[in-house]
Amino acid sequence: MDNGLRFFILGRGGMMTCLFRCMRAGFRRAFLLLLAIGAGMSCAAGQAQEVAVSIGFLAPQSGSNQERGISMVNGAQLAIDELNQKNIKVNNVKVNFQLLVQDDRFNANTGRLAAQYLLKRKVQAVICHSSTVCIATADIFQAEHIPQLSVGATNRQFTQLGYDNVFRMFGHSEQGGILFGKYAYRDLKLRRIAVIDDKTPSGAAMASQFSDGFKTAGGTIAGHYSVSDKTSDFNQALMDIKERKADAIFWGGTHLQAANMIVSAKRLGLTTRFLNAMNGMNNQYVLSRVNDVGNILSLESDQPRDRMARWKSFEKAYIENFQGSYIDVSALRAYDAVQVLGEAIKSANSLDPQKLAETLHKERFKGLTGPIEFDREGNLKNPVFTVYESQGAEWKVVEVVKAD
């Protein structure tokens, strides 16, 4: 073929032998284009023994919740690195796990845009954080049967949407809120509690469930107030609570606002106890702001860290790999979520999202935070909760309790 062009690829390594004869410059340009395409094919052939698997992560990477968001992403990345060392294979092809992070800014609309982006990037599964974003994006991932694992959505609504692809890595607000409400009456001997929430799905649900538990036990709610999740002005609600002589204040909202509320209450002369639940309150940020108030109780999901068998090794690896020593509780759950997904892929021997969701419903996993097994709705079975109390500059474990 005098005016033709011939090329062929030999061997799995992609060695290319080319024979060509060009009578015109146009044929030479065409050959160079085909050569580039052939080189790309050679690269792809050389990488056929490894497949990239992306796990999406929706978490705040900016704004007031940035520190928590970065910490949970760090926890997930530790798990990604460990999975890649395990040489997990699907149909004899090695899986290379990757974490694809999107900043949801703790905002439902931003979260939905980020979720659409993750779908375009063909993620095999997604981890999300807040009730606000997890609930807002659930329908997007359900449409493609993408497993969605939450490490921070306390609102039970997340697993009551009728979807079979949603999973929660810890106990929900109905379990924790009711449990803590009963505990406040029975064990703390409180009789009149004022409740404040931040109007968010998680904060409002937690406040409502706590109130139900407290009233069921025999207590009285001495006023229920709602404020913006952006405000730092609690004066109106606090002054009214002071007049009502409540024994304690329960806060349904973030730990960031909790610190501001406690400082304001102290300035107004309130000497009541402060209760809150499942918001990561038991960290040093709050204690550093409130100047040793010493009457704060916090209910958190999960068992105390020093009772987790692998906590020390996790902490060591975290500090060695990331700047700063702050490890949010959601970082531990994010680590577990990635590990669980890796084990599900291995067990299912498949990357099909629907098969992964089915495997997550069937299997029982050993997690950093404890045993992980999901019920029909996708809730964690037999969740554990811990009551903490502030004592000076530290949080002390009061009691470890299981949901009813």
Protein backbone atom coordinates (compact mmCIF):
# COMPACT_ATOMS: atom_id res chain seq x y z
CA MET A 1 0.00 0.00 0.00
CA ASP A 2 2.22 2.78 -1.39
CA ASN A 3 0.18 5.72 -0.11
CA GLY A 4 -1.12 3.97 2.97
CA LEU A 5 -0.29 3.91 6.65
CA ARG A 6 -0.08 0.87 8.85
CA PHE A 7 0.51 0.55 12.60
CA PHE A 8 0.00 -2.20 15.07
CA ILE A 9 0.44 -2.68 18.83
CA LEU A 10 2.32 -5.68 20.12
CA GLY A 11 2.27 -7.05 23.69
CA ARG A 12 0.37 -6.11 26.84
CA GLY A 13 3.11 -3.64 27.75
CA GLY A 14 2.07 -1.52 24.81
CA MET A 15 5.19 -1.75 22.56
CA MET A 16 4.29 -0.20 19.24
CA THR A 17 5.88 -0.93 15.90
CA CYS A 18 4.92 1.38 13.10
CA LEU A 19 5.52 1.11 9.37
CA PHE A 20 4.50 3.98 7.21
CA ARG A 21 5.09 5.52 3.92
CA CYS A 22 3.72 8.96 3.32
CA MET A 23 3.44 10.49 -0.13
CA ARG A 24 1.92 13.68 1.15
CA ALA A 25 2.42 15.90 4.21
CA GLY A 26 -1.24 15.34 5.09
CA PHE A 27 -0.61 11.64 5.61
CA ARG A 28 2.27 12.43 7.93
CA ARG A 29 0.04 14.64 10.10
CA ALA A 30 -2.59 11.92 10.14
CA PHE A 31 -0.01 9.41 11.24
CA LEU A 32 1.16 11.60 14.12
CA LEU A 33 -2.43 11.89 15.34
CA LEU A 34 -2.89 8.12 15.17
CA LEU A 35 0.42 7.67 16.95
CA ALA A 36 -0.82 9.81 19.85
CA ILE A 37 -4.06 7.83 20.02
CA GLY A 38 -2.13 4.58 19.94
CA ALA A 39 0.09 5.74 22.80
CA GLY A 40 -3.02 6.52 24.86
CA MET A 41 -4.37 3.06 24.10
CA SER A 42 -1.05 1.59 25.12
CA CYS A 43 -1.21 3.45 28.49
CA ALA A 44 -4.72 2.25 29.12
CA ALA A 45 -3.73 -1.31 28.30
CA GLY A 46 -0.82 -1.08 30.69
CA GLN A 47 -3.12 0.00 33.51
CA ALA A 48 -5.78 -2.65 32.90
CA GLN A 49 -4.77 -4.47 36.08
CA GLU A 50 -5.88 -1.57 38.30
CA VAL A 51 -9.20 0.23 38.54
CA ALA A 52 -9.78 3.59 40.23
CA VAL A 53 -12.69 3.76 42.68
CA SER A 54 -13.79 7.19 43.87
CA ILE A 55 -15.58 7.73 47.17
CA GLY A 56 -17.22 11.14 47.38
CA PHE A 57 -17.29 13.22 50.54
CA LEU A 58 -19.63 16.15 51.19
CA ALA A 59 -18.30 18.14 54.15
CA PRO A 60 -17.79 21.78 55.17
CA GLN A 61 -14.28 22.85 54.16
CA SER A 62 -14.87 26.55 54.80
CA GLY A 63 -16.85 28.71 57.20
CA SER A 64 -17.51 28.21 60.91
CA ASN A 65 -17.63 24.39 60.62
CA GLN A 66 -14.40 24.17 58.64
CA GLU A 67 -12.35 22.64 61.46
CA ARG A 68 -14.79 19.77 61.93
CA GLY A 69 -15.10 19.23 58.19
CA ILE A 70 -11.36 19.07 57.64
CA SER A 71 -10.96 16.67 60.55
CA MET A 72 -13.52 14.21 59.19
CA VAL A 73 -11.94 14.34 55.73
CA ASN A 74 -8.59 13.57 57.35
CA GLY A 75 -10.11 10.53 59.04
CA ALA A 76 -11.48 9.32 55.72
CA GLN A 77 -8.13 9.83 54.00
CA LEU A 78 -6.38 7.68 56.61
CA ALA A 79 -8.79 4.88 55.76
CA ILE A 80 -8.25 5.40 52.02
CA ASP A 81 -4.50 5.03 52.48
CA GLU A 82 -4.96 1.86 54.53
CA LEU A 83 -7.33 0.31 51.99
CA ASN A 84 -4.82 0.90 49.20
CA GLN A 85 -2.25 -1.05 51.19
CA LYS A 86 -4.59 -4.05 51.51
CA ASN A 87 -4.46 -4.88 47.79
CA ILE A 88 -8.25 -5.31 47.52
CA LYS A 89 -9.30 -6.81 44.19
CA VAL A 90 -12.55 -7.05 42.25
CA ASN A 91 -12.61 -9.83 39.66
CA ASN A 92 -8.82 -10.11 40.08
CA VAL A 93 -8.29 -6.43 39.28
CA LYS A 94 -6.65 -4.31 41.99
CA VAL A 95 -8.74 -1.44 43.32
CA ASN A 96 -7.11 1.96 43.81
CA PHE A 97 -9.30 3.97 46.20
CA GLN A 98 -9.52 7.75 45.88
CA LEU A 99 -11.31 10.35 48.01
CA LEU A 100 -13.16 13.07 46.12
CA VAL A 101 -14.01 15.92 48.53
CA GLN A 102 -16.55 18.66 47.89
CA ASP A 103 -17.16 21.64 50.18
CA ASP A 104 -20.89 21.69 51.00
CA ARG A 105 -20.48 24.80 53.19
CA PHE A 106 -23.02 23.28 55.58
CA ASN A 107 -25.67 24.46 53.11
CA ALA A 108 -28.42 22.42 51.45
CA ASN A 109 -28.31 24.17 48.06
CA THR A 110 -24.53 24.05 47.86
CA GLY A 111 -24.70 20.42 48.88
CA ARG A 112 -27.05 19.57 46.02
CA LEU A 113 -24.75 21.21 43.48
CA ALA A 114 -21.81 19.31 44.93
CA ALA A 115 -23.80 16.07 44.82
CA GLN A 116 -24.52 16.52 41.11
CA TYR A 117 -20.81 17.04 40.52
CA LEU A 118 -19.95 13.83 42.37
CA LEU A 119 -22.39 11.91 40.17
CA LYS A 120 -20.71 13.28 37.06
CA ARG A 121 -17.40 12.03 38.45
CA LYS A 122 -18.89 8.52 38.75
CA VAL A 123 -18.35 7.98 42.48
CA GLN A 124 -19.11 4.49 43.80
CA ALA A 125 -20.34 5.78 47.18
CA VAL A 126 -20.71 9.02 49.13
CA ILE A 127 -20.08 10.08 52.72
CA CYS A 128 -22.00 13.07 54.05
CA HIS A 129 -22.08 14.93 57.35
CA SER A 130 -24.95 17.16 58.49
CA SER A 131 -28.66 16.39 58.53
CA THR A 132 -29.18 19.52 56.42
CA VAL A 133 -27.01 18.33 53.53
CA CYS A 134 -27.54 14.57 53.86
CA ILE A 135 -31.33 14.91 53.65
CA ALA A 136 -31.18 17.52 50.88
CA THR A 137 -29.00 15.32 48.67
CA ALA A 138 -30.48 11.90 49.43
CA ASP A 139 -32.82 11.83 46.41
CA ILE A 140 -29.94 12.65 44.06
CA PHE A 141 -27.88 9.65 45.13
CA GLN A 142 -30.90 7.37 45.47
CA ALA A 143 -31.78 7.93 41.80
CA GLU A 144 -28.47 6.27 40.87
CA HIS A 145 -28.52 3.78 43.79
CA ILE A 146 -25.28 5.28 45.16
CA PRO A 147 -24.68 4.22 48.81
CA GLN A 148 -24.77 7.30 51.06
CA LEU A 149 -23.22 6.98 54.52
CA SER A 150 -23.72 9.75 57.07
CA VAL A 151 -21.21 10.48 59.81
CA GLY A 152 -23.13 13.37 61.37
CA ALA A 153 -26.84 13.44 60.39
CA THR A 154 -28.57 13.10 63.76
CA ASN A 155 -32.11 13.65 62.40
CA ARG A 156 -33.86 10.31 61.99
CA GLN A 157 -35.61 11.60 58.88
CA PHE A 158 -32.47 10.76 56.89
CA THR A 159 -33.20 7.05 57.22
CA GLN A 160 -36.99 7.41 57.01
CA LEU A 161 -37.10 8.55 53.39
CA GLY A 162 -37.85 5.05 52.13
CA TYR A 163 -34.45 4.70 50.42
CA ASP A 164 -32.42 1.49 50.61
CA ASN A 165 -29.08 3.20 49.93
CA VAL A 166 -28.78 5.41 53.05
CA PHE A 167 -26.82 4.45 56.16
CA ARG A 168 -26.03 6.15 59.46
CA MET A 169 -22.76 5.40 61.27
CA PHE A 170 -24.08 6.23 64.77
CA GLY A 171 -27.27 6.54 66.82
CA HIS A 172 -29.94 9.04 65.70
CA SER A 173 -31.70 11.89 67.52
CA GLU A 174 -34.82 9.91 68.41
CA GLN A 175 -32.69 7.39 70.28
CA GLY A 176 -30.27 9.88 71.85
CA GLY A 177 -32.74 12.68 72.51
CA ILE A 178 -35.36 10.56 74.25
CA LEU A 179 -32.69 8.68 76.19
CA PHE A 180 -31.09 11.92 77.43
CA GLY A 181 -34.45 13.46 78.32
CA LYS A 182 -35.28 10.51 80.55
CA TYR A 183 -31.75 10.54 81.97
CA ALA A 184 -32.07 14.23 82.90
CA TYR A 185 -35.20 13.51 84.95
CA ARG A 186 -34.23 10.15 86.44
CA ASP A 187 -30.49 10.50 87.10
CA LEU A 188 -29.89 14.26 87.22
CA LYS A 189 -33.08 14.87 89.23
CA LEU A 190 -34.03 17.87 87.07
CA ARG A 191 -37.70 18.86 86.99
CA ARG A 192 -38.00 22.07 84.90
CA ILE A 193 -35.90 22.48 81.77
CA ALA A 194 -35.99 25.25 79.16
CA VAL A 195 -35.20 24.23 75.58
CA ILE A 196 -33.53 26.27 72.83
CA ASP A 197 -32.94 25.04 69.26
CA ASP A 198 -31.30 26.51 66.16
CA LYS A 199 -34.15 25.76 63.69
CA THR A 200 -32.00 23.34 61.66
CA PRO A 201 -33.28 19.81 60.91
CA SER A 202 -30.78 18.30 63.35
CA GLY A 203 -31.10 20.89 66.12
CA ALA A 204 -34.89 21.12 66.05
CA ALA A 205 -35.30 17.33 65.96
CA MET A 206 -32.90 16.85 68.85
CA ALA A 207 -34.69 19.47 70.97
CA SER A 208 -38.07 17.92 70.21
CA GLN A 209 -36.94 14.38 71.06
CA PHE A 210 -35.25 15.51 74.28
CA SER A 211 -38.45 17.31 75.30
CA ASP A 212 -40.53 14.21 74.60
CA GLY A 213 -38.23 12.03 76.69
CA PHE A 214 -38.14 14.50 79.57
CA LYS A 215 -41.92 14.95 79.63
CA THR A 216 -42.52 11.20 79.37
CA ALA A 217 -40.35 10.73 82.46
CA GLY A 218 -42.42 13.33 84.37
CA GLY A 219 -40.56 16.59 83.77
CA THR A 220 -41.87 20.01 82.70
CA ILE A 221 -40.59 22.05 79.74
CA ALA A 222 -40.30 25.61 81.05
CA GLY A 223 -40.40 27.22 77.61
CA HIS A 224 -39.18 26.23 74.14
CA TYR A 225 -37.31 28.84 72.08
CA SER A 226 -35.95 28.83 68.53
CA VAL A 227 -33.14 31.04 67.24
CA SER A 228 -31.24 31.38 63.97
CA ASP A 229 -28.33 29.01 63.46
CA LYS A 230 -26.25 32.09 62.59
CA THR A 231 -27.00 34.20 65.68
CA SER A 232 -24.79 34.92 68.66
CA ASP A 233 -27.54 36.86 70.49
CA PHE A 234 -29.39 34.67 72.97
CA ASN A 235 -30.31 37.44 75.41
CA GLN A 236 -34.07 37.52 74.87
CA ALA A 237 -34.51 33.79 75.36
CA LEU A 238 -32.07 33.66 78.29
CA MET A 239 -33.70 36.54 80.16
CA ASP A 240 -37.09 34.88 79.81
CA ILE A 241 -35.64 31.58 81.04
CA LYS A 242 -34.16 33.37 84.04
CA GLU A 243 -37.62 34.68 84.94
CA ARG A 244 -39.11 31.19 84.63
CA LYS A 245 -36.52 29.77 87.06
CA ALA A 246 -35.67 26.70 85.00
CA ASP A 247 -33.39 24.06 86.56
CA ALA A 248 -31.44 23.67 83.33
CA ILE A 249 -31.22 24.71 79.67
CA PHE A 250 -31.10 22.15 76.87
CA TRP A 251 -29.50 23.33 73.63
CA GLY A 252 -30.27 21.76 70.26
CA GLY A 253 -27.63 23.08 67.87
CA THR A 254 -23.91 23.22 67.13
CA HIS A 255 -21.17 23.31 69.74
CA LEU A 256 -19.97 26.63 68.27
CA GLN A 257 -23.21 28.38 69.20
CA ALA A 258 -23.40 26.50 72.48
CA ALA A 259 -20.23 28.22 73.66
CA ASN A 260 -21.68 31.65 72.84
CA MET A 261 -24.94 30.82 74.61
CA ILE A 262 -23.19 29.64 77.77
CA VAL A 263 -21.00 32.75 77.90
CA SER A 264 -24.10 34.94 77.50
CA ALA A 265 -25.99 33.04 80.21
CA LYS A 266 -23.11 33.42 82.62
CA ARG A 267 -22.95 37.16 81.92
CA LEU A 268 -26.69 37.45 82.69
CA GLY A 269 -26.22 35.68 86.01
CA LEU A 270 -27.87 32.35 85.19
CA THR A 271 -26.58 29.52 87.35
CA THR A 272 -28.54 26.74 85.66
CA ARG A 273 -27.00 23.58 84.26
CA PHE A 274 -26.47 23.33 80.52
CA LEU A 275 -27.35 20.19 78.59
CA ASN A 276 -26.85 19.37 74.94
CA ALA A 277 -26.61 16.25 72.81
CA MET A 278 -24.89 14.76 69.78
CA ASN A 279 -23.17 17.88 68.44
CA GLY A 280 -19.50 17.23 69.18
CA MET A 281 -19.72 19.39 72.28
CA ASN A 282 -17.18 17.33 74.19
CA ASN A 283 -14.12 19.07 72.74
CA GLN A 284 -11.73 21.67 74.07
CA TYR A 285 -13.17 24.50 71.98
CA VAL A 286 -16.19 24.89 74.24
CA LEU A 287 -14.24 24.64 77.50
CA SER A 288 -11.71 27.19 76.29
CA ARG A 289 -14.54 29.66 75.70
CA VAL A 290 -16.65 29.23 78.83
CA ASN A 291 -13.95 29.70 81.48
CA ASP A 292 -14.58 26.57 83.55
CA VAL A 293 -18.32 26.94 84.06
CA GLY A 294 -18.31 23.38 85.39
CA ASN A 295 -22.00 22.59 84.95
CA ILE A 296 -22.22 21.39 81.35
CA LEU A 297 -23.41 17.91 80.43
CA SER A 298 -23.18 16.51 76.93
CA LEU A 299 -24.57 13.30 75.46
CA GLU A 300 -22.53 12.04 72.52
CA SER A 301 -22.85 9.05 70.24
CA ASP A 302 -20.17 6.36 70.38
CA GLN A 303 -18.28 4.98 73.33
CA PRO A 304 -15.41 6.91 74.97
CA ARG A 305 -12.28 6.90 72.85
CA ASP A 306 -10.11 5.21 75.45
CA ARG A 307 -12.48 2.22 75.30
CA MET A 308 -11.98 1.81 71.55
CA ALA A 309 -9.49 -1.01 70.94
CA ARG A 310 -7.68 0.77 68.07
CA TRP A 311 -7.97 4.36 69.26
CA LYS A 312 -4.29 4.83 70.17
CA SER A 313 -3.02 3.62 66.80
CA PHE A 314 -5.59 5.79 65.00
CA GLU A 315 -4.62 8.85 67.05
CA LYS A 316 -0.92 8.26 66.38
CA ALA A 317 -1.44 7.92 62.63
CA TYR A 318 -3.70 10.97 62.53
CA ILE A 319 -1.21 13.24 64.33
CA GLU A 320 1.68 11.98 62.21
CA ASN A 321 -0.15 12.65 58.94
CA PHE A 322 -2.05 15.87 59.59
CA GLN A 323 -1.27 19.22 61.16
CA GLY A 324 -2.91 19.93 64.49
CA SER A 325 -4.18 17.48 67.06
CA TYR A 326 -7.94 18.20 66.93
CA ILE A 327 -9.77 14.99 66.07
CA ASP A 328 -13.51 15.45 65.71
CA VAL A 329 -15.80 12.57 66.62
CA SER A 330 -17.00 12.53 63.01
CA ALA A 331 -13.43 11.83 61.88
CA LEU A 332 -13.61 8.43 63.57
CA ARG A 333 -16.93 7.67 61.90
CA ALA A 334 -15.58 8.84 58.52
CA TYR A 335 -12.66 6.47 58.93
CA ASP A 336 -15.10 3.65 59.68
CA ALA A 337 -17.35 4.60 56.75
CA VAL A 338 -14.50 4.28 54.25
CA GLN A 339 -13.30 1.01 55.78
CA VAL A 340 -16.83 -0.39 55.68
CA LEU A 341 -17.15 0.53 52.00
CA GLY A 342 -13.84 -1.14 51.23
CA GLU A 343 -14.91 -4.32 53.01
CA ALA A 344 -18.28 -4.27 51.23
CA ILE A 345 -16.58 -3.99 47.83
CA LYS A 346 -14.30 -6.88 48.73
CA SER A 347 -17.16 -9.03 49.99
CA ALA A 348 -19.45 -8.29 47.04
CA ASN A 349 -16.58 -8.65 44.55
CA SER A 350 -18.34 -5.89 42.67
CA LEU A 351 -18.31 -2.14 42.10
CA ASP A 352 -22.00 -2.03 41.27
CA PRO A 353 -23.49 0.56 43.69
CA GLN A 354 -26.72 -1.37 44.18
CA LYS A 355 -24.82 -4.54 45.11
CA LEU A 356 -22.73 -2.52 47.54
CA ALA A 357 -25.88 -1.21 49.25
CA GLU A 358 -27.23 -4.77 49.50
CA THR A 359 -23.95 -5.96 51.01
CA LEU A 360 -23.95 -3.12 53.55
CA HIS A 361 -27.39 -4.24 54.71
CA LYS A 362 -26.29 -7.87 55.09
CA GLU A 363 -22.79 -7.74 56.55
CA ARG A 364 -21.46 -7.03 60.05
CA PHE A 365 -18.22 -5.04 60.26
CA LYS A 366 -15.58 -4.39 62.92
CA GLY A 367 -15.12 -0.64 63.22
CA LEU A 368 -12.83 1.68 65.12
CA THR A 369 -15.89 2.96 66.98
CA GLY A 370 -17.24 -0.55 67.62
CA PRO A 371 -19.34 -3.20 65.83
CA ILE A 372 -21.11 -1.85 62.74
CA GLU A 373 -24.31 -3.44 61.49
CA PHE A 374 -27.30 -1.72 59.88
CA ASP A 375 -31.02 -2.34 60.26
CA ARG A 376 -33.59 -2.31 57.47
CA GLU A 377 -33.75 1.51 57.42
CA GLY A 378 -29.98 1.89 57.43
CA ASN A 379 -29.64 2.85 61.10
CA LEU A 380 -26.78 1.51 63.20
CA LYS A 381 -27.91 -1.42 65.32
CA ASN A 382 -27.36 -1.25 69.09
CA PRO A 383 -25.83 2.25 69.21
CA VAL A 384 -23.92 3.35 72.30
CA PHE A 385 -24.07 6.82 73.89
CA THR A 386 -21.80 8.48 76.45
CA VAL A 387 -22.68 11.19 78.98
CA TYR A 388 -19.84 13.66 79.60
CA GLU A 389 -19.56 16.41 82.23
CA SER A 390 -17.21 19.39 82.18
CA GLN A 391 -14.81 19.44 85.12
CA GLY A 392 -12.38 22.31 84.99
CA ALA A 393 -10.56 22.17 81.67
CA GLU A 394 -11.54 18.57 80.90
CA TRP A 395 -14.51 16.43 79.96
CA LYS A 396 -15.09 13.48 82.25
CA VAL A 397 -17.10 10.37 81.38
CA VAL A 398 -20.16 10.10 83.61
CA GLU A 399 -21.85 7.05 82.13
CA VAL A 400 -22.03 4.90 79.01
CA VAL A 401 -25.59 3.99 78.05
CA LYS A 402 -27.28 2.00 75.29
CA ALA A 403 -30.40 3.05 73.41
CA ASP A 404 -33.66 1.38 74.37
